[in-house]
């Protein structure tokens, strides 16, 4: 059990590394996340924000460099209908995610 009091995730100073997961394929779907990304950066400029999304969204994610610190490309998974998974991509993805030691992950 932790000795820290329970707080809302973004007000907890112990939360410093956040993964935001956006797995919809359309450009518009990612663009709809822009206000939330901007607001998060305004509220907690100290956060290390990683966007987990499809590799082809990298140019779009680059436009949000002020709100997102990095993109972690997602290799796909069974049950996500937008595309077939890339089984060879899973080991590198999981290693990269583990290396970042996220404090919080949210679907946006």
Protein backbone atom coordinates (compact mmCIF):
# COMPACT_ATOMS: atom_id res chain seq x y z
CA UNK A 1 0.00 0.00 0.00
CA UNK A 2 1.22 3.51 -0.81
CA UNK A 3 1.56 6.20 1.82
CA UNK A 4 0.73 8.94 -0.68
CA UNK A 5 -2.78 10.42 -0.59
CA UNK A 6 -5.04 9.62 -3.51
CA UNK A 7 -5.28 12.55 -5.93
CA UNK A 8 -6.54 13.17 -9.43
CA UNK A 9 -3.87 11.87 -11.82
CA UNK A 10 -2.90 15.18 -13.37
CA UNK A 11 -2.66 16.99 -10.05
CA UNK A 12 -0.38 14.31 -8.60
CA UNK A 13 3.21 15.61 -8.82
CA UNK A 14 4.44 12.00 -8.89
CA UNK A 15 2.87 11.63 -12.35
CA UNK A 16 5.50 12.83 -14.78
CA UNK A 17 5.41 10.40 -17.74
CA UNK A 18 2.11 10.03 -19.58
CA UNK A 19 1.17 7.84 -22.53
CA UNK A 20 -1.75 9.07 -24.60
CA UNK A 21 -3.17 6.35 -26.83
CA UNK A 22 -4.97 7.33 -30.04
CA UNK A 23 -5.65 4.37 -32.34
CA UNK A 24 -8.26 5.71 -34.72
CA UNK A 25 -6.97 5.77 -38.28
CA UNK A 26 -8.41 9.00 -39.64
CA UNK A 27 -6.52 12.24 -39.68
CA UNK A 28 -9.62 13.98 -38.35
CA UNK A 29 -9.69 11.65 -35.36
CA UNK A 30 -6.18 12.69 -34.37
CA UNK A 31 -6.93 16.36 -35.03
CA UNK A 32 -9.91 16.12 -32.67
CA UNK A 33 -7.43 15.30 -29.91
CA UNK A 34 -5.53 18.56 -30.42
CA UNK A 35 -7.50 20.66 -27.90
CA UNK A 36 -7.01 18.03 -25.19
CA UNK A 37 -3.28 17.81 -25.94
CA UNK A 38 -2.94 21.58 -25.80
CA UNK A 39 -4.90 21.84 -22.55
CA UNK A 40 -2.85 19.10 -20.92
CA UNK A 41 0.39 20.93 -21.79
CA UNK A 42 -1.02 24.19 -20.42
CA UNK A 43 -2.06 22.51 -17.17
CA UNK A 44 1.10 20.44 -16.69
CA UNK A 45 3.98 21.78 -18.82
CA UNK A 46 6.37 19.54 -16.85
CA UNK A 47 4.83 16.29 -18.13
CA UNK A 48 6.69 14.03 -20.55
CA UNK A 49 3.89 13.24 -23.02
CA UNK A 50 4.17 10.29 -25.41
CA UNK A 51 1.55 9.79 -28.09
CA UNK A 52 0.97 6.14 -28.98
CA UNK A 53 -0.59 5.90 -32.42
CA UNK A 54 -0.08 4.48 -35.90
CA UNK A 55 3.32 5.09 -37.54
CA UNK A 56 1.83 7.02 -40.47
CA UNK A 57 0.53 9.64 -38.05
CA UNK A 58 4.12 10.78 -37.33
CA UNK A 59 3.91 13.86 -39.62
CA UNK A 60 0.69 14.93 -37.91
CA UNK A 61 2.11 14.30 -34.44
CA UNK A 62 5.15 16.38 -35.40
CA UNK A 63 2.83 19.36 -35.82
CA UNK A 64 1.99 19.03 -32.12
CA UNK A 65 5.62 19.12 -31.00
CA UNK A 66 4.76 21.75 -28.41
CA UNK A 67 2.10 19.51 -26.87
CA UNK A 68 3.55 16.03 -27.46
CA UNK A 69 7.16 15.16 -26.67
CA UNK A 70 7.37 12.02 -28.77
CA UNK A 71 5.50 9.49 -30.85
CA UNK A 72 5.66 5.80 -30.00
CA UNK A 73 4.43 3.91 -33.09
CA UNK A 74 1.86 1.22 -32.35
CA UNK A 75 2.28 -2.09 -34.25
CA UNK A 76 -1.39 -3.05 -34.20
CA UNK A 77 -3.11 -5.83 -32.29
CA UNK A 78 -5.76 -8.48 -32.78
CA UNK A 79 -9.20 -7.02 -32.29
CA UNK A 80 -8.38 -3.59 -33.69
CA UNK A 81 -10.18 -3.65 -37.03
CA UNK A 82 -8.38 -0.77 -38.73
CA UNK A 83 -5.42 -2.91 -39.78
CA UNK A 84 -3.76 -6.26 -39.29
CA UNK A 85 -1.22 -6.42 -36.48
CA UNK A 86 2.52 -6.49 -37.11
CA UNK A 87 3.68 -9.33 -34.82
CA UNK A 88 7.35 -8.45 -35.43
CA UNK A 89 6.69 -4.96 -34.09
CA UNK A 90 5.41 -6.08 -30.69
CA UNK A 91 8.72 -6.85 -28.97
CA UNK A 92 10.29 -3.47 -29.88
CA UNK A 93 7.08 -1.64 -28.96
CA UNK A 94 6.82 -3.30 -25.56
CA UNK A 95 10.51 -2.71 -24.85
CA UNK A 96 10.17 0.97 -25.77
CA UNK A 97 7.06 1.36 -23.62
CA UNK A 98 8.69 -0.38 -20.65
CA UNK A 99 11.77 1.81 -20.99
CA UNK A 100 9.64 4.93 -20.63
CA UNK A 101 8.11 3.73 -17.35
CA UNK A 102 4.81 5.55 -17.84
CA UNK A 103 3.06 6.74 -14.69
CA UNK A 104 -0.27 7.04 -16.48
CA UNK A 105 -1.81 5.92 -19.77
CA UNK A 106 -5.02 7.34 -21.22
CA UNK A 107 -6.97 6.78 -24.39
CA UNK A 108 -7.69 10.10 -26.09
